[in-house]
Amino acid sequence: MEIRVWKGHSEDLNRILELCCKANVNIPVDLLKEDLKYSNDCPEGLYFIEKDDSLQMGCWIRPWREGALRIGAIISTPEMDSDDFSYYFKQFMAIFSNSFRDKEKRSLFYLTESDLIVNTALKTGFEIYAELLKYRKRDFAIPDFKGLPVKIRSFREEDVDQLLALESGIFMPEFWNSPTIFRNMAENERGNFVVAEMMDQVIGYNYNRLIDDEGHLVRIGVHVDYQRLGIGKQLMKHAINWFKRQNVSSIFLSVVKENFQARGLYEKFGFKKEETGSEYILIFNGGGI
């Protein structure tokens, strides 16, 4: 049996799609291209594992926030058992852990709902960083509410510094976006990136994207000094109306389990918690291989 690990590039898109097809994993091509675009800027990049010239697993790493990387996805063949998955996963992590030892210490994150991946990762140096709940809305109804009048407009390049400052005051560091990610969000033709502005100050933002026929509400953020004034509700209304114009079949989002303020907002707007299990954010800090 010959095992080969090799580094791929963005032009290997068809290899990843081939593996997704084998695994019956539906990753929209637009989303995959977006992730691989980020991975091109990442020295760890895209890797494949073959056994006897048969593709077994693919994994790509993309930049996230400063000093941190994120696993875009780990795709394996459907016939792979848990022992083989654990073995191949450790092969990937052995490669990636060298980057942590050779460079400044960085964190590696992965978002997954797979029990197999969670259990394997916890044996390979990962820890559970946060549990996320999934919510979904299947209509476009908007409740009545009152809020401070604000201007909602499209993102502009000059907004980046204010958005970085806004995020640092409301999100955990692991959830901060970088200037590059903000710009890439704005360039996504299947996305909608807007800010809430008052007296030339950016006090909130919202980013949404389309995945197949569904709408993904990626994030709503409101400056800490302007919370509980109806800004988040106005951004939510804008998001729902945008998704309505795109004629999506439903709108979905993920939220940290302990973020009761955000969960209250989503539930007020008719989002229902799904009972299909949780997603987990896993963190790896360079040890345990």
Protein backbone atom coordinates (compact mmCIF):
# COMPACT_ATOMS: atom_id res chain seq x y z
CA MET A 1 0.00 0.00 0.00
CA GLU A 2 1.46 3.34 -1.06
CA ILE A 3 0.27 6.54 0.68
CA ARG A 4 1.05 9.87 -0.99
CA VAL A 5 0.37 13.34 0.38
CA TRP A 6 0.66 16.12 -2.17
CA LYS A 7 0.04 19.84 -2.31
CA GLY A 8 -2.54 21.10 -4.76
CA HIS A 9 -3.44 24.51 -6.18
CA SER A 10 -6.61 26.36 -7.10
CA GLU A 11 -6.52 24.78 -10.54
CA ASP A 12 -7.17 21.44 -8.83
CA LEU A 13 -10.80 22.47 -8.37
CA ASN A 14 -12.00 19.46 -10.36
CA ARG A 15 -10.17 17.06 -8.03
CA ILE A 16 -11.99 18.52 -5.04
CA LEU A 17 -15.31 18.38 -6.91
CA GLU A 18 -14.60 14.76 -7.81
CA LEU A 19 -14.01 13.96 -4.16
CA CYS A 20 -17.14 15.86 -3.08
CA CYS A 21 -19.17 13.86 -5.60
CA LYS A 22 -17.79 10.57 -4.27
CA ALA A 23 -18.53 11.62 -0.70
CA ASN A 24 -22.00 12.93 -1.61
CA VAL A 25 -20.99 16.30 -0.14
CA ASN A 26 -22.67 19.30 -1.72
CA ILE A 27 -20.29 22.26 -1.60
CA PRO A 28 -21.50 24.92 -4.07
CA VAL A 29 -18.89 25.67 -6.72
CA ASP A 30 -19.04 29.43 -6.05
CA LEU A 31 -18.39 28.85 -2.35
CA LEU A 32 -15.57 26.43 -3.11
CA LYS A 33 -13.92 28.90 -5.49
CA GLU A 34 -14.20 31.61 -2.83
CA ASP A 35 -12.48 29.40 -0.27
CA LEU A 36 -9.73 28.32 -2.66
CA LYS A 37 -9.14 31.98 -3.54
CA TYR A 38 -8.33 32.58 0.13
CA SER A 39 -6.20 29.41 0.22
CA ASN A 40 -3.99 30.72 -2.59
CA ASP A 41 -2.74 33.35 -0.13
CA CYS A 42 -1.99 30.72 2.51
CA PRO A 43 1.32 28.81 2.61
CA GLU A 44 -0.44 25.70 3.95
CA GLY A 45 -2.95 25.77 1.11
CA LEU A 46 -4.60 22.71 -0.44
CA TYR A 47 -3.58 19.11 0.20
CA PHE A 48 -4.63 15.70 -1.06
CA ILE A 49 -3.99 12.16 0.16
CA GLU A 50 -3.90 9.23 -2.25
CA LYS A 51 -3.70 5.51 -1.53
CA ASP A 52 -2.47 3.35 -4.40
CA ASP A 53 -3.21 6.26 -6.82
CA SER A 54 -6.82 6.56 -5.57
CA LEU A 55 -7.84 9.91 -4.09
CA GLN A 56 -8.89 9.42 -0.45
CA MET A 57 -9.05 12.83 1.22
CA GLY A 58 -8.77 16.51 0.44
CA CYS A 59 -8.25 19.40 2.84
CA TRP A 60 -7.62 23.09 2.39
CA ILE A 61 -6.49 25.80 4.77
CA ARG A 62 -7.32 29.49 4.37
CA PRO A 63 -6.25 32.63 6.22
CA TRP A 64 -8.74 33.86 8.80
CA ARG A 65 -7.83 36.58 11.23
CA GLU A 66 -4.31 37.87 11.89
CA GLY A 67 -2.22 35.06 13.34
CA ALA A 68 -4.84 32.40 12.65
CA LEU A 69 -5.80 29.97 9.91
CA ARG A 70 -9.03 28.13 9.22
CA ILE A 71 -9.67 24.72 7.70
CA GLY A 72 -12.06 25.27 4.80
CA ALA A 73 -13.18 21.63 4.63
CA ILE A 74 -12.02 18.06 5.04
CA ILE A 75 -13.54 15.74 2.42
CA SER A 76 -13.06 11.97 2.48
CA THR A 77 -14.40 9.04 0.48
CA PRO A 78 -17.70 7.56 1.77
CA GLU A 79 -16.28 4.06 2.29
CA MET A 80 -13.59 5.31 4.67
CA ASP A 81 -13.97 3.90 8.18
CA SER A 82 -13.20 5.79 11.38
CA ASP A 83 -9.74 4.21 11.80
CA ASP A 84 -8.64 5.19 8.28
CA PHE A 85 -10.12 8.67 8.71
CA SER A 86 -8.19 9.13 11.95
CA TYR A 87 -4.97 7.96 10.26
CA TYR A 88 -5.31 10.30 7.28
CA PHE A 89 -6.38 13.22 9.47
CA LYS A 90 -3.22 12.78 11.53
CA GLN A 91 -1.17 12.84 8.31
CA PHE A 92 -2.60 16.26 7.48
CA MET A 93 -2.08 17.57 10.99
CA ALA A 94 1.52 16.36 11.09
CA ILE A 95 2.18 18.56 8.06
CA PHE A 96 0.33 21.58 9.40
CA SER A 97 1.88 21.34 12.87
CA ASN A 98 5.32 21.95 11.34
CA SER A 99 4.10 25.39 10.29
CA PHE A 100 3.26 26.18 13.90
CA ARG A 101 6.72 25.15 15.04
CA ASP A 102 8.60 26.95 12.25
CA LYS A 103 6.73 30.26 12.51
CA GLU A 104 5.19 32.43 15.16
CA LYS A 105 2.60 30.48 17.08
CA ARG A 106 -0.72 30.60 15.25
CA SER A 107 -4.14 29.11 15.82
CA LEU A 108 -5.95 26.79 13.43
CA PHE A 109 -9.76 26.70 13.51
CA TYR A 110 -12.31 24.37 12.02
CA LEU A 111 -16.09 24.60 11.96
CA THR A 112 -17.84 21.24 11.69
CA GLU A 113 -20.96 19.36 12.71
CA SER A 114 -19.45 15.92 12.09
CA ASP A 115 -19.15 13.81 15.24
CA LEU A 116 -16.41 11.78 13.53
CA ILE A 117 -14.31 14.87 12.84
CA VAL A 118 -14.91 16.30 16.32
CA ASN A 119 -13.92 13.07 18.05
CA THR A 120 -10.86 12.61 15.82
CA ALA A 121 -9.74 16.23 16.19
CA LEU A 122 -9.99 16.12 19.99
CA LYS A 123 -7.47 13.25 19.92
CA THR A 124 -5.13 15.26 17.69
CA GLY A 125 -4.55 18.39 19.75
CA PHE A 126 -7.78 20.30 19.04
CA GLU A 127 -10.10 21.69 21.70
CA ILE A 128 -13.74 22.76 21.45
CA TYR A 129 -13.73 26.55 21.30
CA ALA A 130 -17.46 27.21 20.92
CA GLU A 131 -20.74 25.45 20.19
CA LEU A 132 -22.98 26.96 17.51
CA LEU A 133 -26.72 26.52 17.10
CA LYS A 134 -28.36 26.56 13.67
CA TYR A 135 -31.42 28.69 12.96
CA ARG A 136 -33.61 28.83 9.85
CA LYS A 137 -36.43 31.05 8.55
CA ARG A 138 -38.73 29.94 5.73
CA ASP A 139 -40.68 33.15 5.14
CA PHE A 140 -39.96 36.85 4.73
CA ALA A 141 -42.19 38.22 7.50
CA ILE A 142 -40.80 41.19 9.45
CA PRO A 143 -42.22 42.18 12.87
CA ASP A 144 -43.04 45.77 13.79
CA PHE A 145 -40.31 47.54 15.74
CA LYS A 146 -38.95 50.97 16.57
CA GLY A 147 -35.34 52.02 16.17
CA LEU A 148 -32.93 54.90 15.91
CA PRO A 149 -32.97 56.20 12.29
CA VAL A 150 -29.82 55.17 10.43
CA LYS A 151 -28.59 55.10 6.86
CA ILE A 152 -27.93 51.63 5.44
CA ARG A 153 -25.64 51.68 2.42
CA SER A 154 -23.20 49.45 0.55
CA PHE A 155 -19.74 48.85 1.98
CA ARG A 156 -16.96 51.18 0.78
CA GLU A 157 -13.20 50.69 0.96
CA GLU A 158 -12.82 53.54 3.43
CA ASP A 159 -15.07 51.69 5.92
CA VAL A 160 -12.44 49.05 6.71
CA ASP A 161 -10.75 50.80 9.66
CA GLN A 162 -14.06 51.57 11.34
CA LEU A 163 -15.25 47.98 10.85
CA LEU A 164 -12.06 46.60 12.38
CA ALA A 165 -12.56 48.82 15.42
CA LEU A 166 -16.25 47.87 15.63
CA GLU A 167 -15.50 44.14 15.59
CA SER A 168 -12.79 44.43 18.26
CA GLY A 169 -15.41 45.77 20.67
CA ILE A 170 -18.11 43.13 20.18
CA PHE A 171 -16.62 39.83 18.94
CA MET A 172 -14.11 37.40 20.38
CA PRO A 173 -10.73 37.87 18.63
CA GLU A 174 -11.14 34.55 16.81
CA PHE A 175 -14.17 36.02 15.01
CA TRP A 176 -12.49 39.22 13.82
CA ASN A 177 -12.25 39.69 10.06
CA SER A 178 -9.15 41.02 8.33
CA PRO A 179 -9.10 43.89 5.79
CA THR A 180 -8.57 41.34 3.02
CA ILE A 181 -11.62 39.33 4.06
CA PHE A 182 -13.77 42.47 4.21
CA ARG A 183 -12.68 43.34 0.66
CA ASN A 184 -13.31 39.82 -0.61
CA MET A 185 -16.77 39.89 0.95
CA ALA A 186 -17.52 43.08 -0.98
CA GLU A 187 -16.32 41.47 -4.23
CA ASN A 188 -18.57 38.41 -3.90
CA GLU A 189 -21.10 38.69 -6.72
CA ARG A 190 -23.52 36.44 -4.80
CA GLY A 191 -23.20 38.43 -1.60
CA ASN A 192 -24.58 41.60 -0.05
CA PHE A 193 -22.36 43.68 2.26
CA VAL A 194 -23.87 46.79 3.85
CA VAL A 195 -23.08 49.11 6.75
CA ALA A 196 -25.29 51.16 9.07
CA GLU A 197 -24.10 54.76 9.25
CA MET A 198 -24.93 57.70 11.49
CA MET A 199 -23.26 61.12 11.18
CA ASP A 200 -20.47 59.62 9.03
CA GLN A 201 -19.75 56.92 11.63
CA VAL A 202 -20.15 53.23 10.81
CA ILE A 203 -22.11 51.77 13.71
CA GLY A 204 -23.08 48.39 12.30
CA TYR A 205 -22.81 46.04 9.36
CA ASN A 206 -24.39 43.00 7.76
CA TYR A 207 -23.05 40.44 5.30
CA ASN A 208 -25.19 37.87 3.47
CA ARG A 209 -24.54 35.44 0.65
CA LEU A 210 -26.40 32.97 -1.55
CA ILE A 211 -25.62 29.26 -1.43
CA ASP A 212 -27.54 27.44 -4.15
CA ASP A 213 -31.18 28.47 -3.60
CA GLU A 214 -30.72 29.30 0.09
CA GLY A 215 -29.73 32.50 1.85
CA HIS A 216 -26.90 32.50 4.40
CA LEU A 217 -27.06 35.35 6.89
CA VAL A 218 -23.37 35.35 7.74
CA ARG A 219 -23.14 38.14 10.29
CA ILE A 220 -24.78 41.16 11.85
CA GLY A 221 -22.63 43.37 14.07
CA VAL A 222 -23.54 46.57 15.94
CA HIS A 223 -21.12 48.92 17.67
CA VAL A 224 -21.13 48.38 21.43
CA ASP A 225 -22.25 52.01 22.05
CA TYR A 226 -25.30 51.63 19.78
CA GLN A 227 -26.73 48.30 20.86
CA ARG A 228 -30.35 47.92 21.99
CA LEU A 229 -31.35 50.95 19.88
CA GLY A 230 -32.91 48.97 17.02
CA ILE A 231 -29.85 49.07 14.73
CA GLY A 232 -29.61 45.28 14.56
CA LYS A 233 -33.32 45.04 13.77
CA GLN A 234 -32.94 47.47 10.87
CA LEU A 235 -30.01 45.48 9.49
CA MET A 236 -32.05 42.30 9.88
CA LYS A 237 -34.97 43.87 8.01
CA HIS A 238 -32.61 44.91 5.22
CA ALA A 239 -31.18 41.38 5.05
CA ILE A 240 -34.59 39.68 4.87
CA ASN A 241 -35.77 42.06 2.15
CA TRP A 242 -32.58 41.37 0.15
CA PHE A 243 -33.08 37.62 0.45
CA LYS A 244 -36.71 38.08 -0.62
CA ARG A 245 -35.58 39.83 -3.81
CA GLN A 246 -33.23 36.91 -4.48
CA ASN A 247 -36.18 34.50 -4.13
CA VAL A 248 -34.38 32.14 -1.75
CA SER A 249 -36.14 29.05 -0.41
CA SER A 250 -35.05 29.77 3.18
CA ILE A 251 -32.60 31.80 5.25
CA PHE A 252 -30.18 30.12 7.66
CA LEU A 253 -27.55 31.23 10.15
CA SER A 254 -25.36 29.96 12.97
CA VAL A 255 -24.96 31.60 16.38
CA VAL A 256 -22.83 30.90 19.44
CA LYS A 257 -24.99 28.99 21.94
CA GLU A 258 -24.27 31.45 24.77
CA ASN A 259 -25.07 34.55 22.68
CA PHE A 260 -28.56 34.99 24.08
CA GLN A 261 -28.90 38.58 22.85
CA ALA A 262 -28.38 37.56 19.22
CA ARG A 263 -30.59 34.50 19.59
CA GLY A 264 -33.37 36.73 20.93
CA LEU A 265 -33.08 38.98 17.86
CA TYR A 266 -33.26 36.04 15.46
CA GLU A 267 -36.21 34.47 17.24
CA LYS A 268 -38.07 37.80 17.23
CA PHE A 269 -37.73 37.80 13.44
CA GLY A 270 -39.13 34.29 13.10
CA PHE A 271 -36.00 32.16 12.94
CA LYS A 272 -36.48 28.69 14.42
CA LYS A 273 -33.72 26.65 16.04
CA GLU A 274 -33.07 23.49 14.06
CA GLU A 275 -33.00 20.20 15.92
CA THR A 276 -30.41 18.56 13.68
CA GLY A 277 -27.52 18.96 16.12
CA SER A 278 -24.88 21.57 16.78
CA GLU A 279 -21.83 22.84 14.95
CA TYR A 280 -18.54 23.16 16.77
CA ILE A 281 -15.64 25.55 16.36
CA LEU A 282 -12.47 23.58 17.05
CA ILE A 283 -9.13 25.24 17.84
CA PHE A 284 -5.61 23.87 17.45
CA ASN A 285 -2.65 25.75 18.93
CA GLY A 286 0.24 23.66 17.72
CA GLY A 287 0.49 20.70 20.08
CA GLY A 288 -0.83 17.20 20.48
CA ILE A 289 0.35 15.53 17.26
